[in-house]
Amino acid sequence: MAVDKELLEILACPVCKGAVKLNKKKDGLACEKCRVVYPIKDDIPVMLVDEAVKDAG
Protein backbone atom coordinates (compact mmCIF):
# COMPACT_ATOMS: atom_id res chain seq x y z
CA MET A 1 0.00 0.00 0.00
CA ALA A 2 1.56 3.25 -1.08
CA VAL A 3 -0.59 6.33 -0.66
CA ASP A 4 1.50 9.39 -1.46
CA LYS A 5 2.06 11.76 1.49
CA GLU A 6 1.12 14.75 -0.67
CA LEU A 7 -2.17 13.06 -1.56
CA LEU A 8 -2.91 12.40 2.11
CA GLU A 9 -2.39 16.10 2.84
CA ILE A 10 -5.10 17.18 0.38
CA LEU A 11 -7.66 14.41 0.92
CA ALA A 12 -10.56 15.17 3.25
CA CYS A 13 -13.57 13.31 4.56
CA PRO A 14 -16.43 13.91 2.11
CA VAL A 15 -18.92 14.22 5.01
CA CYS A 16 -17.28 16.56 7.53
CA LYS A 17 -14.40 17.86 5.37
CA GLY A 18 -11.99 16.89 8.16
CA ALA A 19 -8.57 15.34 7.74
CA VAL A 20 -8.17 11.63 7.09
CA LYS A 21 -5.19 9.48 7.99
CA LEU A 22 -3.97 6.01 7.19
CA ASN A 23 -5.52 3.46 9.55
CA LYS A 24 -3.52 0.93 11.58
CA LYS A 25 -4.04 -1.87 9.05
CA LYS A 26 -2.94 0.50 6.25
CA ASP A 27 -5.88 -0.61 4.14
CA GLY A 28 -8.01 2.50 4.49
CA LEU A 29 -8.20 6.16 5.38
CA ALA A 30 -9.83 6.93 8.71
CA CYS A 31 -11.83 10.00 9.69
CA GLU A 32 -11.69 10.27 13.48
CA LYS A 33 -14.56 12.76 13.66
CA CYS A 34 -17.04 10.61 11.67
CA ARG A 35 -15.52 7.34 12.96
CA VAL A 36 -15.45 5.73 9.52
CA VAL A 37 -12.78 4.25 7.27
CA TYR A 38 -12.68 4.78 3.52
CA PRO A 39 -11.12 1.73 1.81
CA ILE A 40 -8.04 1.74 -0.38
CA LYS A 41 -8.45 -0.51 -3.41
CA ASP A 42 -5.57 -1.13 -5.82
CA ASP A 43 -3.62 1.70 -4.12
CA ILE A 44 -6.49 4.16 -4.80
CA PRO A 45 -8.45 5.70 -1.90
CA VAL A 46 -12.19 5.25 -2.43
CA MET A 47 -13.61 8.41 -0.86
CA LEU A 48 -17.28 7.56 -1.37
CA VAL A 49 -19.70 7.79 1.56
CA ASP A 50 -21.42 4.57 0.44
CA GLU A 51 -18.10 2.69 0.58
CA ALA A 52 -17.14 3.85 4.10
CA VAL A 53 -17.27 1.35 6.96
CA LYS A 54 -17.59 2.00 10.70
CA ASP A 55 -14.21 2.34 12.36
CA ALA A 56 -13.72 -0.57 14.74
CA GLY A 57 -11.35 1.42 16.86
PDB file of N, CA and C in Angstrom:
ATOM      1  N   MET A   1       0.844  -1.169   0.000  1.00  0.00           N
ATOM      2  CA  MET A   1       0.000   0.000   0.000  1.00  0.00           C
ATOM      3  C   MET A   1       0.885   1.226   0.000  1.00  0.00           C
ATOM      4  N   ALA A   2       0.690   2.078  -0.984  1.00  0.00           N
ATOM      5  CA  ALA A   2       1.564   3.248  -1.078  1.00  0.00           C
ATOM      6  C   ALA A   2       0.758   4.489  -1.432  1.00  0.00           C
ATOM      7  N   VAL A   3       0.120   5.078  -0.433  1.00  0.00           N
ATOM      8  CA  VAL A   3      -0.587   6.330  -0.660  1.00  0.00           C
ATOM      9  C   VAL A   3       0.425   7.458  -0.465  1.00  0.00           C
ATOM     10  N   ASP A   4       0.551   8.290  -1.467  1.00  0.00           N
ATOM     11  CA  ASP A   4       1.498   9.389  -1.455  1.00  0.00           C
ATOM     12  C   ASP A   4       1.196  10.364  -0.320  1.00  0.00           C
ATOM     13  N   LYS A   5       2.236  10.823   0.370  1.00  0.00           N
ATOM     14  CA  LYS A   5       2.056  11.757   1.493  1.00  0.00           C
ATOM     15  C   LYS A   5       1.395  13.053   1.041  1.00  0.00           C
ATOM     16  N   GLU A   6       1.734  13.520  -0.144  1.00  0.00           N
ATOM     17  CA  GLU A   6       1.124  14.745  -0.668  1.00  0.00           C
ATOM     18  C   GLU A   6      -0.369  14.548  -0.897  1.00  0.00           C
ATOM     19  N   LEU A   7      -0.760  13.369  -1.357  1.00  0.00           N
ATOM     20  CA  LEU A   7      -2.172  13.065  -1.563  1.00  0.00           C
ATOM     21  C   LEU A   7      -2.903  13.041  -0.224  1.00  0.00           C
ATOM     22  N   LEU A   8      -2.297  12.443   0.784  1.00  0.00           N
ATOM     23  CA  LEU A   8      -2.907  12.402   2.114  1.00  0.00           C
ATOM     24  C   LEU A   8      -3.143  13.809   2.675  1.00  0.00           C
ATOM     25  N   GLU A   9      -2.254  14.732   2.345  1.00  0.00           N
ATOM     26  CA  GLU A   9      -2.392  16.103   2.839  1.00  0.00           C
ATOM     27  C   GLU A   9      -3.593  16.824   2.241  1.00  0.00           C
ATOM     28  N   ILE A  10      -3.991  16.470   1.025  1.00  0.00           N
ATOM     29  CA  ILE A  10      -5.101  17.185   0.384  1.00  0.00           C
ATOM     30  C   ILE A  10      -6.438  16.451   0.486  1.00  0.00           C
ATOM     31  N   LEU A  11      -6.406  15.157   0.791  1.00  0.00           N
ATOM     32  CA  LEU A  11      -7.657  14.410   0.916  1.00  0.00           C
ATOM     33  C   LEU A  11      -8.398  14.817   2.184  1.00  0.00           C
ATOM     34  N   ALA A  12      -9.725  14.833   2.096  1.00  0.00           N
ATOM     35  CA  ALA A  12     -10.556  15.167   3.253  1.00  0.00           C
ATOM     36  C   ALA A  12     -11.777  14.263   3.251  1.00  0.00           C
ATOM     37  N   CYS A  13     -12.348  14.083   4.420  1.00  0.00           N
ATOM     38  CA  CYS A  13     -13.569  13.306   4.559  1.00  0.00           C
ATOM     39  C   CYS A  13     -14.673  14.001   3.754  1.00  0.00           C
ATOM     40  N   PRO A  14     -15.385  13.278   2.904  1.00  0.00           N
ATOM     41  CA  PRO A  14     -16.435  13.911   2.111  1.00  0.00           C
ATOM     42  C   PRO A  14     -17.654  14.347   2.935  1.00  0.00           C
ATOM     43  N   VAL A  15     -17.781  13.860   4.162  1.00  0.00           N
ATOM     44  CA  VAL A  15     -18.923  14.221   5.010  1.00  0.00           C
ATOM     45  C   VAL A  15     -18.626  15.485   5.814  1.00  0.00           C
ATOM     46  N   CYS A  16     -17.562  15.443   6.624  1.00  0.00           N
ATOM     47  CA  CYS A  16     -17.276  16.558   7.531  1.00  0.00           C
ATOM     48  C   CYS A  16     -16.174  17.484   7.031  1.00  0.00           C
ATOM     49  N   LYS A  17     -15.518  17.104   5.956  1.00  0.00           N
ATOM     50  CA  LYS A  17     -14.400  17.862   5.368  1.00  0.00           C
ATOM     51  C   LYS A  17     -13.169  17.880   6.265  1.00  0.00           C
ATOM     52  N   GLY A  18     -13.137  16.990   7.262  1.00  0.00           N
ATOM     53  CA  GLY A  18     -11.995  16.889   8.161  1.00  0.00           C
ATOM     54  C   GLY A  18     -10.875  16.062   7.552  1.00  0.00           C
ATOM     55  N   ALA A  19      -9.738  16.086   8.206  1.00  0.00           N
ATOM     56  CA  ALA A  19      -8.567  15.341   7.745  1.00  0.00           C
ATOM     57  C   ALA A  19      -8.786  13.839   7.897  1.00  0.00           C
ATOM     58  N   VAL A  20      -8.174  13.085   7.003  1.00  0.00           N
ATOM     59  CA  VAL A  20      -8.170  11.628   7.093  1.00  0.00           C
ATOM     60  C   VAL A  20      -6.727  11.174   7.220  1.00  0.00           C
ATOM     61  N   LYS A  21      -6.545  10.019   7.864  1.00  0.00           N
ATOM     62  CA  LYS A  21      -5.193   9.481   7.994  1.00  0.00           C
ATOM     63  C   LYS A  21      -5.235   7.983   7.768  1.00  0.00           C
ATOM     64  N   LEU A  22      -4.092   7.437   7.424  1.00  0.00           N
ATOM     65  CA  LEU A  22      -3.970   6.009   7.185  1.00  0.00           C
ATOM     66  C   LEU A  22      -4.300   5.252   8.462  1.00  0.00           C
ATOM     67  N   ASN A  23      -5.148   4.223   8.360  1.00  0.00           N
ATOM     68  CA  ASN A  23      -5.515   3.460   9.550  1.00  0.00           C
ATOM     69  C   ASN A  23      -4.394   2.487   9.933  1.00  0.00           C
ATOM     70  N   LYS A  24      -4.558   1.820  11.062  1.00  0.00           N
ATOM     71  CA  LYS A  24      -3.515   0.927  11.584  1.00  0.00           C
ATOM     72  C   LYS A  24      -3.210  -0.217  10.631  1.00  0.00           C
ATOM     73  N   LYS A  25      -4.243  -0.756   9.975  1.00  0.00           N
ATOM     74  CA  LYS A  25      -4.043  -1.868   9.050  1.00  0.00           C
ATOM     75  C   LYS A  25      -3.458  -1.412   7.719  1.00  0.00           C
ATOM     76  N   LYS A  26      -3.441  -0.094   7.492  1.00  0.00           N
ATOM     77  CA  LYS A  26      -2.938   0.505   6.252  1.00  0.00           C
ATOM     78  C   LYS A  26      -3.731   0.049   5.034  1.00  0.00           C
ATOM     79  N   ASP A  27      -5.033  -0.220   5.257  1.00  0.00           N
ATOM     80  CA  ASP A  27      -5.884  -0.613   4.141  1.00  0.00           C
ATOM     81  C   ASP A  27      -7.037   0.366   3.939  1.00  0.00           C
ATOM     82  N   GLY A  28      -6.954   1.508   4.621  1.00  0.00           N
ATOM     83  CA  GLY A  28      -8.008   2.500   4.493  1.00  0.00           C
ATOM     84  C   GLY A  28      -7.613   3.822   5.110  1.00  0.00           C
ATOM     85  N   LEU A  29      -8.414   4.834   4.831  1.00  0.00           N
ATOM     86  CA  LEU A  29      -8.199   6.165   5.381  1.00  0.00           C
ATOM     87  C   LEU A  29      -9.292   6.449   6.395  1.00  0.00           C
ATOM     88  N   ALA A  30      -8.890   6.761   7.616  1.00  0.00           N
ATOM     89  CA  ALA A  30      -9.833   6.934   8.711  1.00  0.00           C
ATOM     90  C   ALA A  30     -10.132   8.408   8.966  1.00  0.00           C
ATOM     91  N   CYS A  31     -11.404   8.683   9.227  1.00  0.00           N
ATOM     92  CA  CYS A  31     -11.835   9.995   9.694  1.00  0.00           C
ATOM     93  C   CYS A  31     -12.215   9.811  11.155  1.00  0.00           C
ATOM     94  N   GLU A  32     -11.439  10.430  12.046  1.00  0.00           N
ATOM     95  CA  GLU A  32     -11.692  10.269  13.480  1.00  0.00           C
ATOM     96  C   GLU A  32     -13.000  10.927  13.900  1.00  0.00           C
ATOM     97  N   LYS A  33     -13.351  12.039  13.288  1.00  0.00           N
ATOM     98  CA  LYS A  33     -14.564  12.757  13.660  1.00  0.00           C
ATOM     99  C   LYS A  33     -15.821  11.947  13.313  1.00  0.00           C
ATOM    100  N   CYS A  34     -15.863  11.388  12.119  1.00  0.00           N
ATOM    101  CA  CYS A  34     -17.036  10.614  11.673  1.00  0.00           C
ATOM    102  C   CYS A  34     -16.957   9.144  12.096  1.00  0.00           C
ATOM    103  N   ARG A  35     -15.768   8.719  12.541  1.00  0.00           N
ATOM    104  CA  ARG A  35     -15.524   7.338  12.961  1.00  0.00           C
ATOM    105  C   ARG A  35     -15.825   6.327  11.860  1.00  0.00           C
ATOM    106  N   VAL A  36     -15.325   6.633  10.652  1.00  0.00           N
ATOM    107  CA  VAL A  36     -15.453   5.731   9.515  1.00  0.00           C
ATOM    108  C   VAL A  36     -14.101   5.571   8.843  1.00  0.00           C
ATOM    109  N   VAL A  37     -13.989   4.504   8.051  1.00  0.00           N
ATOM    110  CA  VAL A  37     -12.782   4.246   7.271  1.00  0.00           C
ATOM    111  C   VAL A  37     -13.183   4.115   5.806  1.00  0.00           C
ATOM    112  N   TYR A  38     -12.480   4.863   4.965  1.00  0.00           N
ATOM    113  CA  TYR A  38     -12.676   4.776   3.521  1.00  0.00           C
ATOM    114  C   TYR A  38     -11.638   3.800   2.990  1.00  0.00           C
ATOM    115  N   PRO A  39     -12.060   2.773   2.240  1.00  0.00           N
ATOM    116  CA  PRO A  39     -11.120   1.728   1.810  1.00  0.00           C
ATOM    117  C   PRO A  39     -10.129   2.223   0.762  1.00  0.00           C
ATOM    118  N   ILE A  40      -9.011   1.518   0.690  1.00  0.00           N
ATOM    119  CA  ILE A  40      -8.036   1.739  -0.375  1.00  0.00           C
ATOM    120  C   ILE A  40      -8.040   0.476  -1.221  1.00  0.00           C
ATOM    121  N   LYS A  41      -8.381   0.633  -2.489  1.00  0.00           N
ATOM    122  CA  LYS A  41      -8.452  -0.507  -3.411  1.00  0.00           C
ATOM    123  C   LYS A  41      -7.479  -0.280  -4.548  1.00  0.00           C
ATOM    124  N   ASP A  42      -6.599  -1.233  -4.781  1.00  0.00           N
ATOM    125  CA  ASP A  42      -5.570  -1.127  -5.820  1.00  0.00           C
ATOM    126  C   ASP A  42      -4.778   0.166  -5.687  1.00  0.00           C
ATOM    127  N   ASP A  43      -4.404   0.507  -4.447  1.00  0.00           N
ATOM    128  CA  ASP A  43      -3.621   1.702  -4.117  1.00  0.00           C
ATOM    129  C   ASP A  43      -4.351   3.011  -4.396  1.00  0.00           C
ATOM    130  N   ILE A  44      -5.689   2.958  -4.548  1.00  0.00           N
ATOM    131  CA  ILE A  44      -6.491   4.159  -4.800  1.00  0.00           C
ATOM    132  C   ILE A  44      -7.500   4.326  -3.671  1.00  0.00           C
ATOM    133  N   PRO A  45      -7.449   5.454  -2.956  1.00  0.00           N
ATOM    134  CA  PRO A  45      -8.447   5.703  -1.903  1.00  0.00           C
ATOM    135  C   PRO A  45      -9.840   5.877  -2.511  1.00  0.00           C
ATOM    136  N   VAL A  46     -10.807   5.157  -1.965  1.00  0.00           N
ATOM    137  CA  VAL A  46     -12.189   5.248  -2.431  1.00  0.00           C
ATOM    138  C   VAL A  46     -12.936   6.140  -1.437  1.00  0.00           C
ATOM    139  N   MET A  47     -13.048   7.416  -1.770  1.00  0.00           N
ATOM    140  CA  MET A  47     -13.609   8.407  -0.864  1.00  0.00           C
ATOM    141  C   MET A  47     -15.101   8.616  -1.128  1.00  0.00           C
ATOM    142  N   LEU A  48     -15.837   7.529  -1.163  1.00  0.00           N
ATOM    143  CA  LEU A  48     -17.281   7.564  -1.368  1.00  0.00           C
ATOM    144  C   LEU A  48     -17.977   7.218  -0.061  1.00  0.00           C
ATOM    145  N   VAL A  49     -18.978   8.004   0.301  1.00  0.00           N
ATOM    146  CA  VAL A  49     -19.698   7.795   1.559  1.00  0.00           C
ATOM    147  C   VAL A  49     -20.283   6.383   1.610  1.00  0.00           C
ATOM    148  N   ASP A  50     -20.809   5.901   0.488  1.00  0.00           N
ATOM    149  CA  ASP A  50     -21.419   4.570   0.442  1.00  0.00           C
ATOM    150  C   ASP A  50     -20.411   3.435   0.636  1.00  0.00           C
ATOM    151  N   GLU A  51     -19.138   3.705   0.428  1.00  0.00           N
ATOM    152  CA  GLU A  51     -18.102   2.686   0.583  1.00  0.00           C
ATOM    153  C   GLU A  51     -17.470   2.698   1.980  1.00  0.00           C
ATOM    154  N   ALA A  52     -17.739   3.718   2.773  1.00  0.00           N
ATOM    155  CA  ALA A  52     -17.143   3.850   4.101  1.00  0.00           C
ATOM    156  C   ALA A  52     -17.711   2.786   5.042  1.00  0.00           C
ATOM    157  N   VAL A  53     -16.847   2.325   5.948  1.00  0.00           N
ATOM    158  CA  VAL A  53     -17.266   1.354   6.965  1.00  0.00           C
ATOM    159  C   VAL A  53     -16.997   1.951   8.344  1.00  0.00           C
ATOM    160  N   LYS A  54     -17.777   1.520   9.325  1.00  0.00           N
ATOM    161  CA  LYS A  54     -17.591   1.999  10.695  1.00  0.00           C
ATOM    162  C   LYS A  54     -16.189   1.631  11.165  1.00  0.00           C
ATOM    163  N   ASP A  55     -15.540   2.572  11.825  1.00  0.00           N
ATOM    164  CA  ASP A  55     -14.209   2.343  12.364  1.00  0.00           C
ATOM    165  C   ASP A  55     -14.323   1.494  13.624  1.00  0.00           C
ATOM    166  N   ALA A  56     -13.648   0.357  13.611  1.00  0.00           N
ATOM    167  CA  ALA A  56     -13.717  -0.571  14.740  1.00  0.00           C
ATOM    168  C   ALA A  56     -12.862  -0.113  15.912  1.00  0.00           C
ATOM    169  N   GLY A  57     -12.133   0.935  15.741  1.00  0.00           N
ATOM    170  CA  GLY A  57     -11.351   1.423  16.864  1.00  0.00           C
ATOM    171  C   GLY A  57      -9.969   1.661  16.460  1.00  0.00           C
TER     172      GLY A  57
END
